[in-house]
């Protein structure tokens, strides 16, 4: 009897794979490096090995698999199972993904565009639930999009409809791998926003981010702009607002074309939250049809953190609350004496705990503390940590010693973490405490 469904998310950096029962309860999830630079054959073989690993770990056979669905980036034909082109995969042209998989597996296999698969999830189970007209965009390396119109997912004549990321915004703009130039995704993706910052730095502008990367612009990452923004860095604020305005113009066009009731913003850059989205909303209001824009809300994508328990709004971020992690276990698995980068801890948490998390600090202990508390609270925002001191005042609001500060903070619902004789606090509302 067929009891399980396999899902594969083929990404340029990682392949994420999961097994669900027929009630869509998660049985097992794993993540492995894609190694796209090794070519299509290597990637396809790696997917096969991952599927075999899943079945082996669950002690199930092919007869137990009802079907397998794969999200593949780029242009494809879902009916024929062919991937024509994928921008993050070298030499990836006209790859018959389904036929290649069927050489190893007997159960039914389907493919679709990765963002469209993402769209189905949000539409059926997430932020777009019960909506008949919606747009999902993902902001990462590029800008992906999927669209539902009148209760039907939009495919078009060649299954490539709704490529909002390739909407032309500038006559002679940045070159795009699609062959055109000035595409929206070249400006509002994580990569595009970093490029905007770097261009301004090369013009002689200054930012605190330069100090963080020792003036090596190649080390700048998108999450750093959110940190600098919160520290009132003028250039970071300018770049964030400029990016939000361009994205707002693009989404104003989408609203005028598709008349959605909701636009869902996903992808890594969505963690910027209202830093980015406030400008997006203002631009939409000023430049789209009034009746259409008033009927449309712009919201962050629901982020799944751990095994889902319930959906909740917190700190402006829509999340699925998960049970707490084992802090001692997490501490032991982080190598002693190492400074773990933001990306390293994100990959570590994703692989070991299925947690999606962003943390700005470089101290090993602070990262682990922040990661633990974020997943425990189920909050998908960038946290700022401050130490409670024996004598002092926290943010001009919490006077007295540690015990009094703890009492006041806990009464307001803040997370307090104890590590040996030290206490740390995370603020979800003001985003940051300042010690005095």
Protein backbone atom coordinates (compact mmCIF):
# COMPACT_ATOMS: atom_id res chain seq x y z
CA UNK A 1 0.00 0.00 0.00
CA UNK A 2 1.31 3.48 -0.90
CA UNK A 3 1.68 5.52 2.29
CA UNK A 4 4.19 8.27 1.57
CA UNK A 5 4.90 11.26 -0.68
CA UNK A 6 8.39 12.57 -1.44
CA UNK A 7 9.10 16.24 -2.08
CA UNK A 8 12.33 17.58 -3.60
CA UNK A 9 13.36 21.24 -3.64
CA UNK A 10 16.24 21.61 -6.09
CA UNK A 11 18.18 24.75 -5.22
CA UNK A 12 21.36 26.22 -6.60
CA UNK A 13 23.11 25.72 -3.23
CA UNK A 14 21.19 22.90 -1.55
CA UNK A 15 18.86 20.04 -2.37
CA UNK A 16 16.15 19.78 0.28
CA UNK A 17 14.15 16.58 0.41
CA UNK A 18 11.32 15.40 2.65
CA UNK A 19 8.98 12.47 3.12
CA UNK A 20 5.37 13.01 4.22
CA UNK A 21 2.55 10.61 4.96
CA UNK A 22 -0.70 10.97 3.04
CA UNK A 23 -2.00 13.37 5.71
CA UNK A 24 1.00 15.59 4.87
CA UNK A 25 2.66 15.04 8.24
CA UNK A 26 6.44 15.24 8.01
CA UNK A 27 8.23 11.92 8.47
CA UNK A 28 11.81 12.92 7.61
CA UNK A 29 13.67 15.81 6.01
CA UNK A 30 17.29 16.08 4.89
CA UNK A 31 19.42 18.67 3.09
CA UNK A 32 22.52 18.09 0.98
CA UNK A 33 24.79 20.39 -1.03
CA UNK A 34 23.74 20.57 -4.70
CA UNK A 35 27.26 20.90 -6.16
CA UNK A 36 25.72 22.32 -9.33
CA UNK A 37 29.17 23.18 -10.71
CA UNK A 38 29.76 19.44 -11.27
CA UNK A 39 27.11 19.35 -13.99
CA UNK A 40 23.59 18.02 -14.60
CA UNK A 41 24.46 14.32 -14.43
CA UNK A 42 26.04 14.73 -11.00
CA UNK A 43 23.05 16.71 -9.70
CA UNK A 44 20.53 14.15 -10.95
CA UNK A 45 22.52 11.27 -9.47
CA UNK A 46 22.71 13.13 -6.19
CA UNK A 47 18.92 13.48 -6.12
CA UNK A 48 18.61 9.74 -6.68
CA UNK A 49 21.01 9.01 -3.80
CA UNK A 50 19.04 11.38 -1.54
CA UNK A 51 15.76 9.59 -2.34
CA UNK A 52 17.42 6.24 -1.62
CA UNK A 53 18.76 7.64 1.66
CA UNK A 54 15.29 8.80 2.69
CA UNK A 55 13.76 5.38 2.02
CA UNK A 56 16.61 3.61 3.80
CA UNK A 57 16.35 5.78 6.93
CA UNK A 58 12.59 5.23 7.09
CA UNK A 59 12.96 1.55 6.23
CA UNK A 60 10.44 1.78 3.39
CA UNK A 61 10.40 0.52 -0.20
CA UNK A 62 9.32 2.03 -3.52
CA UNK A 63 5.96 0.30 -3.14
CA UNK A 64 5.29 2.56 -0.14
CA UNK A 65 5.75 5.73 -2.22
CA UNK A 66 2.57 7.19 -3.71
CA UNK A 67 4.45 9.74 -5.84
CA UNK A 68 7.33 12.24 -5.87
CA UNK A 69 7.11 15.95 -6.71
CA UNK A 70 10.10 18.11 -7.60
CA UNK A 71 10.47 21.90 -7.60
CA UNK A 72 13.02 22.86 -10.26
CA UNK A 73 14.16 26.46 -10.87
CA UNK A 74 13.93 27.99 -14.32
CA UNK A 75 11.85 27.34 -17.43
CA UNK A 76 10.34 23.89 -17.90
CA UNK A 77 7.49 21.84 -19.33
CA UNK A 78 5.72 20.18 -16.37
CA UNK A 79 3.62 17.92 -18.62
CA UNK A 80 6.61 16.44 -20.43
CA UNK A 81 8.90 16.60 -17.39
CA UNK A 82 11.62 18.58 -19.21
CA UNK A 83 13.67 21.40 -17.71
CA UNK A 84 14.71 23.74 -20.54
CA UNK A 85 16.91 26.17 -18.69
CA UNK A 86 17.94 26.90 -15.10
CA UNK A 87 19.98 30.04 -14.42
CA UNK A 88 21.96 28.68 -11.45
CA UNK A 89 22.98 25.38 -13.07
CA UNK A 90 25.88 25.31 -15.59
CA UNK A 91 25.19 23.43 -18.85
CA UNK A 92 21.61 22.78 -17.74
CA UNK A 93 19.60 22.75 -20.98
CA UNK A 94 16.78 20.46 -22.13
CA UNK A 95 17.19 18.05 -19.23
CA UNK A 96 14.43 15.42 -19.11
CA UNK A 97 14.32 15.27 -15.33
CA UNK A 98 11.35 12.90 -15.03
CA UNK A 99 12.76 10.34 -17.47
CA UNK A 100 16.12 10.41 -15.70
CA UNK A 101 14.44 9.78 -12.34
CA UNK A 102 12.28 6.99 -13.78
CA UNK A 103 15.43 5.08 -14.70
CA UNK A 104 15.85 4.47 -10.98
CA UNK A 105 12.33 4.64 -9.52
CA UNK A 106 8.99 3.09 -10.44
CA UNK A 107 6.62 5.45 -8.61
CA UNK A 108 5.01 8.46 -10.41
CA UNK A 109 7.25 11.55 -10.63
CA UNK A 110 6.25 15.15 -11.40
CA UNK A 111 8.14 18.42 -11.78
CA UNK A 112 7.13 22.07 -11.74
CA UNK A 113 8.83 25.43 -11.34
CA UNK A 114 10.18 25.79 -7.80
CA UNK A 115 8.39 29.07 -7.07
CA UNK A 116 5.11 27.73 -8.45
CA UNK A 117 5.45 24.74 -6.10
CA UNK A 118 6.09 27.25 -3.31
CA UNK A 119 2.93 29.05 -4.42
CA UNK A 120 0.84 25.88 -4.12
CA UNK A 121 2.03 25.48 -0.53
CA UNK A 122 1.17 29.04 0.46
CA UNK A 123 -2.15 28.91 -1.37
CA UNK A 124 -3.32 25.63 0.14
CA UNK A 125 -1.75 25.77 3.61
CA UNK A 126 -0.15 29.15 4.29
CA UNK A 127 -0.58 32.90 3.97
CA UNK A 128 -2.72 32.59 0.81
CA UNK A 129 -5.23 30.13 2.26
CA UNK A 130 -8.76 30.66 0.86
CA UNK A 131 -7.55 33.35 -1.59
CA UNK A 132 -8.72 33.13 -5.21
CA UNK A 133 -6.34 35.77 -6.55
CA UNK A 134 -2.80 35.98 -5.21
CA UNK A 135 0.81 36.63 -6.15
CA UNK A 136 3.84 35.05 -4.48
CA UNK A 137 7.31 36.43 -5.03
CA UNK A 138 10.55 35.08 -3.60
CA UNK A 139 13.50 37.39 -3.13
CA UNK A 140 16.79 35.55 -3.08
CA UNK A 141 19.51 35.26 -5.70
CA UNK A 142 16.88 36.52 -8.12
CA UNK A 143 13.15 37.23 -8.03
CA UNK A 144 10.84 34.29 -8.60
CA UNK A 145 7.06 34.53 -8.83
CA UNK A 146 3.88 32.52 -9.06
CA UNK A 147 0.33 33.74 -9.66
CA UNK A 148 -3.21 32.51 -8.97
CA UNK A 149 -6.04 34.16 -10.94
CA UNK A 150 -9.70 33.31 -10.27
CA UNK A 151 -8.73 30.18 -8.35
CA UNK A 152 -6.36 28.80 -11.00
CA UNK A 153 -2.56 28.80 -11.06
CA UNK A 154 -1.35 30.76 -14.08
CA UNK A 155 0.84 28.74 -16.48
CA UNK A 156 0.55 30.30 -19.93
CA UNK A 157 1.27 28.85 -23.37
CA UNK A 158 4.77 27.63 -22.47
CA UNK A 159 4.33 27.24 -18.68
CA UNK A 160 6.39 30.39 -18.14
CA UNK A 161 3.66 32.91 -17.24
CA UNK A 162 4.06 35.42 -14.46
CA UNK A 163 7.82 36.02 -14.61
CA UNK A 164 7.60 39.26 -12.65
CA UNK A 165 11.35 39.17 -12.00
CA UNK A 166 11.96 39.70 -15.73
CA UNK A 167 9.67 42.71 -15.97
CA UNK A 168 11.80 45.37 -17.67
CA UNK A 169 12.28 48.37 -15.38
CA UNK A 170 15.10 50.22 -17.17
CA UNK A 171 15.72 50.64 -20.88
CA UNK A 172 19.48 50.21 -20.51
CA UNK A 173 19.90 48.56 -17.12
CA UNK A 174 21.91 45.79 -15.53
CA UNK A 175 22.38 42.77 -17.79
CA UNK A 176 20.32 39.69 -16.93
CA UNK A 177 21.09 36.03 -17.61
CA UNK A 178 17.76 35.78 -19.44
CA UNK A 179 19.41 37.77 -22.26
CA UNK A 180 17.68 41.07 -21.56
CA UNK A 181 18.71 43.95 -19.30
CA UNK A 182 17.09 46.12 -16.65
CA UNK A 183 15.01 43.24 -15.24
CA UNK A 184 13.31 43.85 -11.88
CA UNK A 185 15.11 40.90 -10.28
CA UNK A 186 18.49 42.47 -11.00
CA UNK A 187 17.63 45.27 -8.54
CA UNK A 188 15.33 43.96 -5.83
CA UNK A 189 16.81 40.52 -5.12
CA UNK A 190 19.36 39.99 -2.36
CA UNK A 191 22.07 40.00 -5.01
CA UNK A 192 20.66 43.16 -6.59
CA UNK A 193 20.41 45.06 -3.31
CA UNK A 194 24.03 44.22 -2.44
CA UNK A 195 25.10 45.37 -5.91
CA UNK A 196 23.30 48.69 -5.36
CA UNK A 197 25.19 49.17 -2.10
CA UNK A 198 28.54 48.25 -3.64
CA UNK A 199 27.99 50.67 -6.54
CA UNK A 200 27.40 53.50 -4.09
CA UNK A 201 30.47 52.55 -2.04
CA UNK A 202 32.58 52.57 -5.20
CA UNK A 203 31.32 56.10 -5.84
CA UNK A 204 32.89 57.17 -2.55
CA UNK A 205 29.91 56.80 -0.18
CA UNK A 206 30.55 55.29 3.26
CA UNK A 207 28.81 52.74 5.46
CA UNK A 208 29.48 50.92 8.72
CA UNK A 209 29.25 47.71 6.69
CA UNK A 210 32.70 48.46 5.23
CA UNK A 211 34.22 48.02 8.69
CA UNK A 212 32.42 44.71 9.17
CA UNK A 213 33.98 43.26 5.99
CA UNK A 214 37.38 44.98 6.34
CA UNK A 215 36.65 47.02 3.19
CA UNK A 216 36.35 43.85 1.09
CA UNK A 217 33.08 44.50 -0.77
CA UNK A 218 32.96 40.91 -2.05
CA UNK A 219 32.13 39.79 1.51
CA UNK A 220 29.03 41.96 1.84
CA UNK A 221 25.79 39.99 2.30
CA UNK A 222 22.21 41.21 2.13
CA UNK A 223 21.41 40.59 5.80
CA UNK A 224 24.08 43.13 6.77
CA UNK A 225 21.93 45.93 5.34
CA UNK A 226 19.18 45.14 7.87
CA UNK A 227 21.70 45.30 10.70
CA UNK A 228 23.17 48.57 9.46
CA UNK A 229 19.66 49.96 8.91
CA UNK A 230 18.84 49.33 12.58
CA UNK A 231 22.04 51.12 13.57
CA UNK A 232 20.83 54.17 11.62
CA UNK A 233 23.45 53.82 8.87
CA UNK A 234 22.42 56.43 6.29
CA UNK A 235 23.58 54.52 3.24
CA UNK A 236 21.93 51.26 4.34
CA UNK A 237 18.65 53.11 4.91
CA UNK A 238 18.95 54.76 1.48
CA UNK A 239 19.62 51.44 -0.28
CA UNK A 240 16.77 49.69 1.57
CA UNK A 241 14.32 52.44 0.64
CA UNK A 242 15.56 52.59 -2.96
CA UNK A 243 15.15 48.82 -3.29
CA UNK A 244 11.69 48.98 -1.73
CA UNK A 245 10.64 51.71 -4.15
CA UNK A 246 11.73 49.73 -7.24
CA UNK A 247 9.99 46.62 -5.92
CA UNK A 248 6.91 48.72 -5.19
CA UNK A 249 6.79 49.92 -8.82
CA UNK A 250 7.07 46.31 -10.03
CA UNK A 251 4.31 45.11 -7.72
CA UNK A 252 2.12 48.09 -8.63
CA UNK A 253 2.28 46.81 -12.21
CA UNK A 254 1.42 43.30 -11.01
CA UNK A 255 -1.57 44.64 -9.07
CA UNK A 256 -2.83 46.54 -12.11
CA UNK A 257 -2.42 43.44 -14.29
CA UNK A 258 -3.67 40.63 -12.03
CA UNK A 259 -5.80 42.37 -9.38
CA UNK A 260 -4.68 40.07 -6.49
CA UNK A 261 -6.17 40.20 -3.01
CA UNK A 262 -2.83 39.31 -1.44
CA UNK A 263 0.86 39.51 -2.38
CA UNK A 264 3.11 37.20 -0.37
CA UNK A 265 6.80 38.09 -0.03
CA UNK A 266 9.12 35.14 0.56
CA UNK A 267 12.77 34.26 0.16
CA UNK A 268 15.76 35.21 2.27
CA UNK A 269 15.29 38.94 1.79
CA UNK A 270 11.81 38.81 3.29
CA UNK A 271 13.53 38.78 6.72
CA UNK A 272 14.12 42.53 6.18
CA UNK A 273 10.43 42.86 7.04
CA UNK A 274 9.00 46.35 7.33
CA UNK A 275 12.41 47.92 6.72
CA UNK A 276 11.76 47.00 3.10
CA UNK A 277 8.00 46.49 2.95
CA UNK A 278 6.93 49.88 4.31
CA UNK A 279 8.43 51.59 1.25
CA UNK A 280 6.97 48.88 -0.99
CA UNK A 281 3.48 49.52 0.39
CA UNK A 282 3.83 53.31 0.08
CA UNK A 283 4.93 53.01 -3.56
CA UNK A 284 2.11 50.60 -4.39
CA UNK A 285 -0.43 52.98 -2.86
CA UNK A 286 0.91 55.90 -4.91
CA UNK A 287 1.32 54.14 -8.26
CA UNK A 288 -1.33 51.43 -8.68
CA UNK A 289 -5.06 51.67 -9.33
CA UNK A 290 -6.66 52.84 -6.09
CA UNK A 291 -9.49 50.30 -5.99
CA UNK A 292 -7.11 47.44 -6.79
CA UNK A 293 -4.43 48.46 -4.29
CA UNK A 294 -6.94 48.98 -1.49
CA UNK A 295 -8.19 45.43 -2.00
CA UNK A 296 -4.66 43.97 -1.86
CA UNK A 297 -2.49 43.37 1.20
CA UNK A 298 1.27 42.70 1.14
CA UNK A 299 2.42 40.16 3.74
CA UNK A 300 5.54 38.09 4.55
CA UNK A 301 5.50 34.42 3.70
CA UNK A 302 4.69 32.03 6.52
CA UNK A 303 7.98 30.52 7.63
CA UNK A 304 7.99 26.91 8.79
CA UNK A 305 10.28 26.45 11.79
CA UNK A 306 10.64 22.86 13.03
CA UNK A 307 7.66 20.55 13.30
CA UNK A 308 4.57 22.72 12.79
CA UNK A 309 2.26 23.23 15.75
CA UNK A 310 0.22 26.35 15.09
CA UNK A 311 0.23 29.56 13.08
CA UNK A 312 0.76 32.82 14.91
CA UNK A 313 1.71 36.44 14.25
CA UNK A 314 4.69 37.74 16.19
CA UNK A 315 6.93 40.77 15.83
CA UNK A 316 5.47 41.49 12.38
CA UNK A 317 6.52 38.07 11.10
CA UNK A 318 4.07 35.26 10.37
CA UNK A 319 5.48 31.97 11.61
CA UNK A 320 4.59 28.42 12.52
CA UNK A 321 5.45 27.83 16.17
CA UNK A 322 7.76 24.89 16.90
CA UNK A 323 8.75 23.09 20.10
CA UNK A 324 12.00 24.23 21.78
CA UNK A 325 15.39 22.91 20.73
CA UNK A 326 17.75 21.07 23.06
CA UNK A 327 20.12 23.93 23.97
CA UNK A 328 22.82 21.66 25.47
CA UNK A 329 22.80 19.46 22.39
CA UNK A 330 23.09 22.47 20.12
CA UNK A 331 26.01 23.92 22.10
CA UNK A 332 27.91 20.64 21.97
CA UNK A 333 27.56 20.32 18.22
CA UNK A 334 28.97 23.79 17.47
CA UNK A 335 32.80 23.45 17.25
CA UNK A 336 34.68 24.88 20.23
CA UNK A 337 36.68 28.03 19.73
CA UNK A 338 35.24 28.87 16.31
CA UNK A 339 33.49 31.99 15.16
CA UNK A 340 30.49 30.75 13.22
CA UNK A 341 29.31 32.98 10.39
CA UNK A 342 25.66 33.85 9.82
CA UNK A 343 25.43 31.58 6.78
CA UNK A 344 27.18 28.70 8.55
CA UNK A 345 24.76 28.74 11.47
CA UNK A 346 21.79 29.02 9.11
CA UNK A 347 22.95 25.94 7.20
CA UNK A 348 23.70 24.10 10.44
CA UNK A 349 20.28 24.81 11.92
CA UNK A 350 18.50 24.00 8.68
CA UNK A 351 20.25 20.64 8.32
CA UNK A 352 19.97 19.54 11.95
CA UNK A 353 16.75 21.15 13.13
CA UNK A 354 14.79 22.17 10.01
CA UNK A 355 14.95 25.74 11.32
CA UNK A 356 14.91 28.89 9.18
CA UNK A 357 16.75 31.66 11.04
CA UNK A 358 18.75 34.86 10.62
CA UNK A 359 21.23 36.11 13.22
CA UNK A 360 23.50 39.16 12.96
CA UNK A 361 26.21 38.48 15.52
CA UNK A 362 29.55 36.69 15.04
CA UNK A 363 30.19 35.49 18.60
CA UNK A 364 29.74 31.72 18.79
CA UNK A 365 27.87 31.78 22.08
CA UNK A 366 25.60 34.65 21.12
CA UNK A 367 24.67 32.97 17.83
CA UNK A 368 23.71 29.75 19.56
CA UNK A 369 21.74 31.57 22.23
CA UNK A 370 19.93 33.68 19.69
CA UNK A 371 19.26 30.69 17.44
CA UNK A 372 17.88 28.67 20.32
CA UNK A 373 15.57 31.40 21.57
CA UNK A 374 14.39 32.32 18.08
CA UNK A 375 13.33 28.78 17.27
CA UNK A 376 11.91 28.32 20.75
CA UNK A 377 9.74 31.39 20.31
CA UNK A 378 9.13 30.61 16.62
CA UNK A 379 10.08 34.14 15.58
CA UNK A 380 11.64 34.63 12.17
CA UNK A 381 13.21 38.06 12.60
CA UNK A 382 16.75 39.29 13.17
CA UNK A 383 17.22 39.53 16.94
CA UNK A 384 19.50 41.80 18.93
CA UNK A 385 20.88 40.57 22.23
CA UNK A 386 21.98 42.61 25.22
CA UNK A 387 23.41 41.51 28.55
CA UNK A 388 21.62 42.34 31.79
CA UNK A 389 24.07 43.98 34.21
CA UNK A 390 24.08 43.88 37.99
CA UNK A 391 24.08 47.66 38.28
CA UNK A 392 22.62 49.69 35.48
CA UNK A 393 19.59 50.61 33.46
CA UNK A 394 18.40 48.86 30.31
CA UNK A 395 17.10 51.15 27.57
CA UNK A 396 16.11 53.79 30.13
CA UNK A 397 13.10 51.66 30.93
CA UNK A 398 14.21 48.83 33.20
CA UNK A 399 16.07 50.18 36.26
CA UNK A 400 17.52 48.23 39.15
CA UNK A 401 19.52 45.04 39.48
CA UNK A 402 19.25 41.83 37.45
CA UNK A 403 16.36 40.36 39.42
CA UNK A 404 14.25 43.49 39.01
CA UNK A 405 15.14 43.78 35.32
CA UNK A 406 14.20 40.12 34.78
CA UNK A 407 10.89 40.60 36.55
CA UNK A 408 9.96 43.64 34.46
CA UNK A 409 11.09 42.09 31.17
CA UNK A 410 9.39 38.72 31.74
CA UNK A 411 6.18 40.50 32.72
CA UNK A 412 6.20 42.08 29.24
CA UNK A 413 6.77 38.73 27.54
CA UNK A 414 10.44 39.09 26.60
CA UNK A 415 12.64 36.00 26.32
CA UNK A 416 15.33 35.74 29.01
CA UNK A 417 18.14 33.23 28.49
CA UNK A 418 20.55 32.21 31.28
CA UNK A 419 24.03 31.00 30.41
CA UNK A 420 26.15 30.24 33.50
CA UNK A 421 25.91 33.45 35.55
CA UNK A 422 24.90 35.69 32.67
CA UNK A 423 21.47 36.67 31.44
CA UNK A 424 20.55 37.81 27.93
CA UNK A 425 17.38 39.43 26.64
CA UNK A 426 15.81 39.61 23.17
CA UNK A 427 13.40 42.39 22.31
CA UNK A 428 10.81 41.62 19.60
CA UNK A 429 9.05 44.97 19.53
CA UNK A 430 11.68 47.69 19.56
CA UNK A 431 14.17 45.35 17.84
CA UNK A 432 17.06 46.56 20.02
CA UNK A 433 17.92 47.49 23.59
CA UNK A 434 20.60 50.08 24.36
CA UNK A 435 22.57 49.70 27.56
CA UNK A 436 23.23 52.83 29.62
